[in-house]
Amino acid sequence: MKLKNRVCVVTGGASGIGKAMCELFAAEGARSIVVIDRDEAGAQAVASSVNGHAEVCDLADGDAITDVLTRIENDLGPIDVLCNNAGIASGGDPLTTPIDEWQKQWDVNVMSHVHAVRAVLPAMLARGEGHILHTASMAGILTSHGNAPYATSKHAVVGLAEWLSITYHDKGIRSYLLAPLGVRTPMLPDQDSEWAKSAAGPLREPEEVAQQVVDAFDEERFLILTDPIAADWMEFKTKDPEKWLKGMRRLQARIDAASE
């Protein structure tokens, strides 16, 4: 799939990977780019830089997501590419993280994808073509130390993306799963921490990740990994889960010791 003349929507497009995708999509010749974010100033700035459109939306609000996407299709035409990219990473362990924080992560990290898919999928199926990207994380395939809500919600995103690919691929809908390791964005503030050095893998720039997304679009390839080491870690986990868990526990012990 080429992006030229496509209508592209990116949630969480005001910064980080979302911003980089908007910029690269414009360079690839997308007809319209819609930047959706709760950060109005950031969304407007990115939209202006790509000659696109900004929409302010709380991605935890399902009705708001549906309304925005419906309006986009009415104003700009059918959405060809939907990038469910918005996410949050607050929280800690299950005992100390308030239940309302769990709910907030679930609403933004998972349900925003569900509401967006429900809004655009019927028209895509009717046309026989559509492209939907889900930004998860390697936290959704492996896990993430120190943040149970994030790891749990990102696992759900992986499951959703896989299910959509299995169910709708042969009906013309292409699903893509972006599972980054460490990326230099506000989502990874402590880039010199023990966890970042040991578990986040080689850090990538948002622009590198955006190019990997475009490459996957060109190939219509489901899984987008940001570094080859991620595939090795996936294989290790699958081949010997018990050994993998022991290694992750050792890393947790190092993280705990470093924080004391």
C-alpha atoms as a PDB file:
ATOM      1  CA  MET A   1       0.000   0.000   0.000  1.00  0.00           C
ATOM      2  CA  LYS A   2       1.320   3.398  -1.003  1.00  0.00           C
ATOM      3  CA  LEU A   3       0.317   6.508   0.937  1.00  0.00           C
ATOM      4  CA  LYS A   4       0.040   8.797  -2.072  1.00  0.00           C
ATOM      5  CA  ASN A   5      -3.440  10.379  -2.284  1.00  0.00           C
ATOM      6  CA  ARG A   6      -4.604   8.593   0.868  1.00  0.00           C
ATOM      7  CA  VAL A   7      -6.639  10.083   3.714  1.00  0.00           C
ATOM      8  CA  CYS A   8      -4.676   9.281   6.877  1.00  0.00           C
ATOM      9  CA  VAL A   9      -5.726   9.709  10.509  1.00  0.00           C
ATOM     10  CA  VAL A  10      -3.209   9.524  13.355  1.00  0.00           C
ATOM     11  CA  THR A  11      -4.281   9.548  16.992  1.00  0.00           C
ATOM     12  CA  GLY A  12      -1.694  10.818  19.444  1.00  0.00           C
ATOM     13  CA  GLY A  13      -0.218  12.720  16.520  1.00  0.00           C
ATOM     14  CA  ALA A  14       0.969  15.808  18.396  1.00  0.00           C
ATOM     15  CA  SER A  15       4.319  14.362  19.460  1.00  0.00           C
ATOM     16  CA  GLY A  16       6.662  11.406  19.325  1.00  0.00           C
ATOM     17  CA  ILE A  17       6.005   8.581  16.903  1.00  0.00           C
ATOM     18  CA  GLY A  18       2.621  10.027  15.906  1.00  0.00           C
ATOM     19  CA  LYS A  19       4.158  13.347  14.900  1.00  0.00           C
ATOM     20  CA  ALA A  20       6.895  11.604  12.938  1.00  0.00           C
ATOM     21  CA  MET A  21       4.318   9.480  11.103  1.00  0.00           C
ATOM     22  CA  CYS A  22       2.301  12.557  10.142  1.00  0.00           C
ATOM     23  CA  GLU A  23       5.405  14.246   8.767  1.00  0.00           C
ATOM     24  CA  LEU A  24       6.502  11.214   6.774  1.00  0.00           C
ATOM     25  CA  PHE A  25       2.996  10.522   5.461  1.00  0.00           C
ATOM     26  CA  ALA A  26       2.965  14.073   4.101  1.00  0.00           C
ATOM     27  CA  ALA A  27       6.326  13.513   2.440  1.00  0.00           C
ATOM     28  CA  GLU A  28       4.946  10.317   0.902  1.00  0.00           C
ATOM     29  CA  GLY A  29       2.137  12.298  -0.750  1.00  0.00           C
ATOM     30  CA  ALA A  30      -0.884  11.597   1.460  1.00  0.00           C
ATOM     31  CA  ARG A  31      -3.871  13.628   0.287  1.00  0.00           C
ATOM     32  CA  SER A  32      -5.104  14.546   3.775  1.00  0.00           C
ATOM     33  CA  ILE A  33      -3.576  14.019   7.204  1.00  0.00           C
ATOM     34  CA  VAL A  34      -5.663  14.418  10.338  1.00  0.00           C
ATOM     35  CA  VAL A  35      -3.830  14.849  13.627  1.00  0.00           C
ATOM     36  CA  ILE A  36      -5.957  13.793  16.606  1.00  0.00           C
ATOM     37  CA  ASP A  37      -4.707  14.579  20.089  1.00  0.00           C
ATOM     38  CA  ARG A  38      -5.857  16.026  23.405  1.00  0.00           C
ATOM     39  CA  ASP A  39      -2.990  18.537  23.099  1.00  0.00           C
ATOM     40  CA  GLU A  40      -4.651  21.230  20.993  1.00  0.00           C
ATOM     41  CA  ALA A  41      -1.554  23.387  20.490  1.00  0.00           C
ATOM     42  CA  GLY A  42       0.591  20.388  19.584  1.00  0.00           C
ATOM     43  CA  ALA A  43      -1.987  18.980  17.180  1.00  0.00           C
ATOM     44  CA  GLN A  44      -2.392  22.356  15.496  1.00  0.00           C
ATOM     45  CA  ALA A  45       1.367  22.760  15.124  1.00  0.00           C
ATOM     46  CA  VAL A  46       1.820  19.349  13.509  1.00  0.00           C
ATOM     47  CA  ALA A  47      -1.231  19.831  11.277  1.00  0.00           C
ATOM     48  CA  SER A  48       0.102  23.184  10.094  1.00  0.00           C
ATOM     49  CA  SER A  49       3.512  21.688   9.324  1.00  0.00           C
ATOM     50  CA  VAL A  50       1.993  18.990   7.085  1.00  0.00           C
ATOM     51  CA  ASN A  51      -0.814  21.103   5.625  1.00  0.00           C
ATOM     52  CA  GLY A  52      -3.258  18.840   7.418  1.00  0.00           C
ATOM     53  CA  HIS A  53      -6.127  19.074   9.870  1.00  0.00           C
ATOM     54  CA  ALA A  54      -6.142  19.040  13.669  1.00  0.00           C
ATOM     55  CA  GLU A  55      -8.842  17.521  15.847  1.00  0.00           C
ATOM     56  CA  VAL A  56      -8.863  17.813  19.625  1.00  0.00           C
ATOM     57  CA  CYS A  57     -10.203  14.690  21.272  1.00  0.00           C
ATOM     58  CA  ASP A  58      -9.990  12.908  24.590  1.00  0.00           C
ATOM     59  CA  LEU A  59      -9.077   9.398  23.445  1.00  0.00           C
ATOM     60  CA  ALA A  60     -10.623   7.989  26.618  1.00  0.00           C
ATOM     61  CA  ASP A  61     -14.056   9.146  25.385  1.00  0.00           C
ATOM     62  CA  GLY A  62     -15.558   6.634  22.986  1.00  0.00           C
ATOM     63  CA  ASP A  63     -18.397   8.883  21.834  1.00  0.00           C
ATOM     64  CA  ALA A  64     -15.951  11.697  21.092  1.00  0.00           C
ATOM     65  CA  ILE A  65     -13.768   9.365  19.009  1.00  0.00           C
ATOM     66  CA  THR A  66     -16.754   8.201  16.993  1.00  0.00           C
ATOM     67  CA  ASP A  67     -17.969  11.753  16.409  1.00  0.00           C
ATOM     68  CA  VAL A  68     -14.540  12.961  15.251  1.00  0.00           C
ATOM     69  CA  LEU A  69     -14.012  10.094  12.819  1.00  0.00           C
ATOM     70  CA  THR A  70     -17.533  10.447  11.426  1.00  0.00           C
ATOM     71  CA  ARG A  71     -16.954  14.150  10.853  1.00  0.00           C
ATOM     72  CA  ILE A  72     -13.625  13.478   9.151  1.00  0.00           C
ATOM     73  CA  GLU A  73     -15.225  11.073   6.686  1.00  0.00           C
ATOM     74  CA  ASN A  74     -18.035  13.538   5.989  1.00  0.00           C
ATOM     75  CA  ASP A  75     -15.606  16.412   5.406  1.00  0.00           C
ATOM     76  CA  LEU A  76     -12.589  14.764   3.778  1.00  0.00           C
ATOM     77  CA  GLY A  77     -13.882  11.527   2.336  1.00  0.00           C
ATOM     78  CA  PRO A  78     -13.267   7.898   3.260  1.00  0.00           C
ATOM     79  CA  ILE A  79     -10.475   7.225   5.734  1.00  0.00           C
ATOM     80  CA  ASP A  80      -7.923   4.996   4.020  1.00  0.00           C
ATOM     81  CA  VAL A  81      -5.390   4.707   6.843  1.00  0.00           C
ATOM     82  CA  LEU A  82      -6.223   4.781  10.552  1.00  0.00           C
ATOM     83  CA  CYS A  83      -3.269   4.824  12.955  1.00  0.00           C
ATOM     84  CA  ASN A  84      -4.379   4.042  16.500  1.00  0.00           C
ATOM     85  CA  ASN A  85      -1.266   5.483  18.074  1.00  0.00           C
ATOM     86  CA  ALA A  86      -2.337   7.332  21.245  1.00  0.00           C
ATOM     87  CA  GLY A  87      -1.244   5.822  24.537  1.00  0.00           C
ATOM     88  CA  ILE A  88      -0.412   6.595  28.151  1.00  0.00           C
ATOM     89  CA  ALA A  89       1.964   4.859  30.531  1.00  0.00           C
ATOM     90  CA  SER A  90       1.135   6.011  34.056  1.00  0.00           C
ATOM     91  CA  GLY A  91       0.767   3.472  36.829  1.00  0.00           C
ATOM     92  CA  GLY A  92       2.816   0.998  38.812  1.00  0.00           C
ATOM     93  CA  ASP A  93       2.092  -2.326  40.490  1.00  0.00           C
ATOM     94  CA  PRO A  94      -1.403  -3.768  41.017  1.00  0.00           C
ATOM     95  CA  LEU A  95      -1.443  -2.999  44.743  1.00  0.00           C
ATOM     96  CA  THR A  96      -0.529   0.682  44.589  1.00  0.00           C
ATOM     97  CA  THR A  97      -2.089   1.767  41.293  1.00  0.00           C
ATOM     98  CA  PRO A  98      -5.633   3.090  41.885  1.00  0.00           C
ATOM     99  CA  ILE A  99      -8.396   1.294  40.035  1.00  0.00           C
ATOM    100  CA  ASP A 100      -9.384   4.484  38.233  1.00  0.00           C
ATOM    101  CA  GLU A 101      -5.839   4.645  36.807  1.00  0.00           C
ATOM    102  CA  TRP A 102      -6.226   1.097  35.524  1.00  0.00           C
ATOM    103  CA  GLN A 103      -9.485   2.160  33.895  1.00  0.00           C
ATOM    104  CA  LYS A 104      -7.905   5.246  32.332  1.00  0.00           C
ATOM    105  CA  GLN A 105      -5.128   3.173  30.776  1.00  0.00           C
ATOM    106  CA  TRP A 106      -7.639   0.645  29.522  1.00  0.00           C
ATOM    107  CA  ASP A 107      -9.801   3.375  27.984  1.00  0.00           C
ATOM    108  CA  VAL A 108      -6.920   5.116  26.196  1.00  0.00           C
ATOM    109  CA  ASN A 109      -4.622   2.216  25.359  1.00  0.00           C
ATOM    110  CA  VAL A 110      -7.262  -0.321  24.334  1.00  0.00           C
ATOM    111  CA  MET A 111     -10.781   1.025  24.020  1.00  0.00           C
ATOM    112  CA  SER A 112      -9.736   3.999  21.892  1.00  0.00           C
ATOM    113  CA  HIS A 113      -8.648   1.410  19.304  1.00  0.00           C
ATOM    114  CA  VAL A 114     -11.943  -0.432  19.623  1.00  0.00           C
ATOM    115  CA  HIS A 115     -14.074   2.704  19.228  1.00  0.00           C
ATOM    116  CA  ALA A 116     -12.017   3.896  16.263  1.00  0.00           C
ATOM    117  CA  VAL A 117     -12.227   0.528  14.524  1.00  0.00           C
ATOM    118  CA  ARG A 118     -15.988   0.405  15.053  1.00  0.00           C
ATOM    119  CA  ALA A 119     -16.262   3.858  13.472  1.00  0.00           C
ATOM    120  CA  VAL A 120     -14.262   3.184  10.305  1.00  0.00           C
ATOM    121  CA  LEU A 121     -14.484  -0.545   9.667  1.00  0.00           C
ATOM    122  CA  PRO A 122     -17.994  -0.786   8.143  1.00  0.00           C
ATOM    123  CA  ALA A 123     -17.135   1.668   5.358  1.00  0.00           C
ATOM    124  CA  MET A 124     -13.779  -0.006   4.781  1.00  0.00           C
ATOM    125  CA  LEU A 125     -15.478  -3.381   4.440  1.00  0.00           C
ATOM    126  CA  ALA A 126     -18.007  -1.904   2.031  1.00  0.00           C
ATOM    127  CA  ARG A 127     -15.141  -0.554  -0.125  1.00  0.00           C
ATOM    128  CA  GLY A 128     -13.153  -3.766   0.190  1.00  0.00           C
ATOM    129  CA  GLU A 129     -10.033  -1.942   1.392  1.00  0.00           C
ATOM    130  CA  GLY A 130      -8.712  -0.335   4.549  1.00  0.00           C
ATOM    131  CA  HIS A 131      -5.513  -0.054   6.562  1.00  0.00           C
ATOM    132  CA  ILE A 132      -5.459   0.027  10.363  1.00  0.00           C
ATOM    133  CA  LEU A 133      -2.304   0.413  12.433  1.00  0.00           C
ATOM    134  CA  HIS A 134      -2.229  -0.397  16.143  1.00  0.00           C
ATOM    135  CA  THR A 135       0.657   0.989  18.180  1.00  0.00           C
ATOM    136  CA  ALA A 136       1.272  -1.437  21.014  1.00  0.00           C
ATOM    137  CA  SER A 137       4.760  -1.922  22.418  1.00  0.00           C
ATOM    138  CA  MET A 138       7.107  -4.787  23.048  1.00  0.00           C
ATOM    139  CA  ALA A 139       5.520  -4.485  26.492  1.00  0.00           C
ATOM    140  CA  GLY A 140       2.503  -6.115  24.862  1.00  0.00           C
ATOM    141  CA  ILE A 141       4.516  -9.048  23.507  1.00  0.00           C
ATOM    142  CA  LEU A 142       7.058  -9.443  26.296  1.00  0.00           C
ATOM    143  CA  THR A 143       6.145  -7.236  29.276  1.00  0.00           C
ATOM    144  CA  SER A 144       7.196  -4.031  31.023  1.00  0.00           C
ATOM    145  CA  HIS A 145       8.854  -3.896  34.424  1.00  0.00           C
ATOM    146  CA  GLY A 146       7.272  -1.586  36.956  1.00  0.00           C
ATOM    147  CA  ASN A 147       4.035  -0.795  35.144  1.00  0.00           C
ATOM    148  CA  ALA A 148       1.366  -3.459  35.337  1.00  0.00           C
ATOM    149  CA  PRO A 149      -1.476  -1.424  33.744  1.00  0.00           C
ATOM    150  CA  TYR A 150       0.671  -0.525  30.747  1.00  0.00           C
ATOM    151  CA  ALA A 151       1.905  -4.068  30.154  1.00  0.00           C
ATOM    152  CA  THR A 152      -1.577  -5.503  30.569  1.00  0.00           C
ATOM    153  CA  SER A 153      -3.308  -3.006  28.277  1.00  0.00           C
ATOM    154  CA  LYS A 154      -0.641  -3.348  25.588  1.00  0.00           C
ATOM    155  CA  HIS A 155      -1.069  -7.132  25.627  1.00  0.00           C
ATOM    156  CA  ALA A 156      -4.732  -6.485  24.862  1.00  0.00           C
ATOM    157  CA  VAL A 157      -3.793  -4.284  21.895  1.00  0.00           C
ATOM    158  CA  VAL A 158      -1.684  -7.110  20.481  1.00  0.00           C
ATOM    159  CA  GLY A 159      -4.619  -9.489  20.824  1.00  0.00           C
ATOM    160  CA  LEU A 160      -6.990  -7.058  19.125  1.00  0.00           C
ATOM    161  CA  ALA A 161      -4.651  -6.449  16.199  1.00  0.00           C
ATOM    162  CA  GLU A 162      -4.082 -10.163  15.672  1.00  0.00           C
ATOM    163  CA  TRP A 163      -7.817 -10.888  15.802  1.00  0.00           C
ATOM    164  CA  LEU A 164      -8.603  -8.181  13.254  1.00  0.00           C
ATOM    165  CA  SER A 165      -5.917  -9.463  10.914  1.00  0.00           C
ATOM    166  CA  ILE A 166      -7.204 -13.033  11.135  1.00  0.00           C
ATOM    167  CA  THR A 167     -10.825 -12.044  10.672  1.00  0.00           C
ATOM    168  CA  TYR A 168     -10.706  -9.294   8.058  1.00  0.00           C
ATOM    169  CA  HIS A 169      -7.509  -9.688   6.019  1.00  0.00           C
ATOM    170  CA  ASP A 170      -9.223 -11.696   3.299  1.00  0.00           C
ATOM    171  CA  LYS A 171     -11.945  -9.034   3.127  1.00  0.00           C
ATOM    172  CA  GLY A 172      -9.449  -6.354   2.132  1.00  0.00           C
ATOM    173  CA  ILE A 173      -8.592  -4.949   5.555  1.00  0.00           C
ATOM    174  CA  ARG A 174      -4.895  -4.806   6.342  1.00  0.00           C
ATOM    175  CA  SER A 175      -3.947  -4.705  10.013  1.00  0.00           C
ATOM    176  CA  TYR A 176      -0.531  -3.647  11.275  1.00  0.00           C
ATOM    177  CA  LEU A 177       0.978  -4.030  14.748  1.00  0.00           C
ATOM    178  CA  LEU A 178       3.708  -1.569  15.725  1.00  0.00           C
ATOM    179  CA  ALA A 179       5.594  -2.978  18.720  1.00  0.00           C
ATOM    180  CA  PRO A 180       8.491  -0.631  19.489  1.00  0.00           C
ATOM    181  CA  LEU A 181      11.299  -1.171  21.899  1.00  0.00           C
ATOM    182  CA  GLY A 182      12.724   2.052  23.348  1.00  0.00           C
ATOM    183  CA  VAL A 183      12.037   5.228  21.370  1.00  0.00           C
ATOM    184  CA  ARG A 184      13.216   8.729  22.295  1.00  0.00           C
ATOM    185  CA  THR A 185       9.821  10.213  23.103  1.00  0.00           C
ATOM    186  CA  PRO A 186       8.143  11.686  26.211  1.00  0.00           C
ATOM    187  CA  MET A 187       6.836   8.156  26.905  1.00  0.00           C
ATOM    188  CA  LEU A 188      10.400   7.126  27.852  1.00  0.00           C
ATOM    189  CA  PRO A 189      11.575   9.944  30.130  1.00  0.00           C
ATOM    190  CA  ASP A 190      14.279   8.091  32.087  1.00  0.00           C
ATOM    191  CA  GLN A 191      16.445   6.888  29.230  1.00  0.00           C
ATOM    192  CA  ASP A 192      19.480   6.320  31.473  1.00  0.00           C
ATOM    193  CA  SER A 193      17.691   4.055  33.947  1.00  0.00           C
ATOM    194  CA  GLU A 194      18.621   0.430  34.598  1.00  0.00           C
ATOM    195  CA  TRP A 195      15.425  -0.684  32.889  1.00  0.00           C
ATOM    196  CA  ALA A 196      16.038   1.438  29.782  1.00  0.00           C
ATOM    197  CA  LYS A 197      19.592   0.186  29.431  1.00  0.00           C
ATOM    198  CA  SER A 198      18.670  -3.483  29.937  1.00  0.00           C
ATOM    199  CA  ALA A 199      15.113  -3.961  28.670  1.00  0.00           C
ATOM    200  CA  ALA A 200      14.227  -1.124  26.303  1.00  0.00           C
ATOM    201  CA  GLY A 201      16.721  -2.306  23.709  1.00  0.00           C
ATOM    202  CA  PRO A 202      18.583  -0.021  21.303  1.00  0.00           C
ATOM    203  CA  LEU A 203      16.841   3.355  21.419  1.00  0.00           C
ATOM    204  CA  ARG A 204      15.376   4.582  18.144  1.00  0.00           C
ATOM    205  CA  GLU A 205      14.365   8.035  16.997  1.00  0.00           C
ATOM    206  CA  PRO A 206      10.675   8.610  16.166  1.00  0.00           C
ATOM    207  CA  GLU A 207      11.608   9.314  12.546  1.00  0.00           C
ATOM    208  CA  GLU A 208      13.237   5.880  12.252  1.00  0.00           C
ATOM    209  CA  VAL A 209      10.101   4.226  13.560  1.00  0.00           C
ATOM    210  CA  ALA A 210       7.887   6.197  11.166  1.00  0.00           C
ATOM    211  CA  GLN A 211       9.993   4.948   8.259  1.00  0.00           C
ATOM    212  CA  GLN A 212       9.603   1.379   9.517  1.00  0.00           C
ATOM    213  CA  VAL A 213       5.827   1.901   9.510  1.00  0.00           C
ATOM    214  CA  VAL A 214       5.868   3.151   5.914  1.00  0.00           C
ATOM    215  CA  ASP A 215       8.032   0.193   4.900  1.00  0.00           C
ATOM    216  CA  ALA A 216       5.495  -2.191   6.470  1.00  0.00           C
ATOM    217  CA  PHE A 217       2.676  -0.418   4.639  1.00  0.00           C
ATOM    218  CA  ASP A 218       4.555  -0.910   1.358  1.00  0.00           C
ATOM    219  CA  GLU A 219       4.878  -4.632   2.094  1.00  0.00           C
ATOM    220  CA  GLU A 220       1.464  -4.960   3.779  1.00  0.00           C
ATOM    221  CA  ARG A 221       3.358  -6.675   6.621  1.00  0.00           C
ATOM    222  CA  PHE A 222       1.583  -7.149   9.957  1.00  0.00           C
ATOM    223  CA  LEU A 223       4.374  -7.017  12.548  1.00  0.00           C
ATOM    224  CA  ILE A 224       6.592  -3.949  12.842  1.00  0.00           C
ATOM    225  CA  LEU A 225       9.585  -4.353  15.160  1.00  0.00           C
ATOM    226  CA  THR A 226      11.996  -1.486  15.707  1.00  0.00           C
ATOM    227  CA  ASP A 227      15.136  -3.591  16.173  1.00  0.00           C
ATOM    228  CA  PRO A 228      16.127  -7.151  15.214  1.00  0.00           C
ATOM    229  CA  ILE A 229      16.889  -7.968  18.851  1.00  0.00           C
ATOM    230  CA  ALA A 230      13.148  -7.843  19.537  1.00  0.00           C
ATOM    231  CA  ALA A 231      12.626 -10.907  17.342  1.00  0.00           C
ATOM    232  CA  ASP A 232      15.364 -12.725  19.271  1.00  0.00           C
ATOM    233  CA  TRP A 233      13.693 -11.907  22.581  1.00  0.00           C
ATOM    234  CA  MET A 234      10.325 -13.084  21.249  1.00  0.00           C
ATOM    235  CA  GLU A 235      11.862 -16.368  20.140  1.00  0.00           C
ATOM    236  CA  PHE A 236      13.578 -16.821  23.496  1.00  0.00           C
ATOM    237  CA  LYS A 237      10.326 -16.281  25.378  1.00  0.00           C
ATOM    238  CA  THR A 238       8.401 -18.693  23.147  1.00  0.00           C
ATOM    239  CA  LYS A 239      11.077 -21.379  23.173  1.00  0.00           C
ATOM    240  CA  ASP A 240      11.612 -21.482  26.942  1.00  0.00           C
ATOM    241  CA  PRO A 241       9.092 -19.439  28.985  1.00  0.00           C
ATOM    242  CA  GLU A 242      10.467 -20.613  32.328  1.00  0.00           C
ATOM    243  CA  LYS A 243      14.013 -19.539  31.490  1.00  0.00           C
ATOM    244  CA  TRP A 244      12.729 -16.244  30.109  1.00  0.00           C
ATOM    245  CA  LEU A 245      10.789 -15.536  33.318  1.00  0.00           C
ATOM    246  CA  LYS A 246      13.866 -16.278  35.418  1.00  0.00           C
ATOM    247  CA  GLY A 247      15.857 -13.783  33.367  1.00  0.00           C
ATOM    248  CA  MET A 248      13.145 -11.149  33.715  1.00  0.00           C
ATOM    249  CA  ARG A 249      13.108 -11.709  37.485  1.00  0.00           C
ATOM    250  CA  ARG A 250      16.870 -11.156  37.609  1.00  0.00           C
ATOM    251  CA  LEU A 251      16.410  -7.877  35.748  1.00  0.00           C
ATOM    252  CA  GLN A 252      13.648  -6.885  38.180  1.00  0.00           C
ATOM    253  CA  ALA A 253      16.024  -7.538  41.064  1.00  0.00           C
ATOM    254  CA  ARG A 254      18.631  -5.254  39.470  1.00  0.00           C
ATOM    255  CA  ILE A 255      16.017  -2.547  38.976  1.00  0.00           C
ATOM    256  CA  ASP A 256      14.906  -2.866  42.601  1.00  0.00           C
ATOM    257  CA  ALA A 257      18.499  -2.664  43.816  1.00  0.00           C
ATOM    258  CA  ALA A 258      19.220   0.400  41.697  1.00  0.00           C
ATOM    259  CA  SER A 259      16.200   2.203  43.142  1.00  0.00           C
ATOM    260  CA  GLU A 260      17.176   1.631  46.773  1.00  0.00           C
END
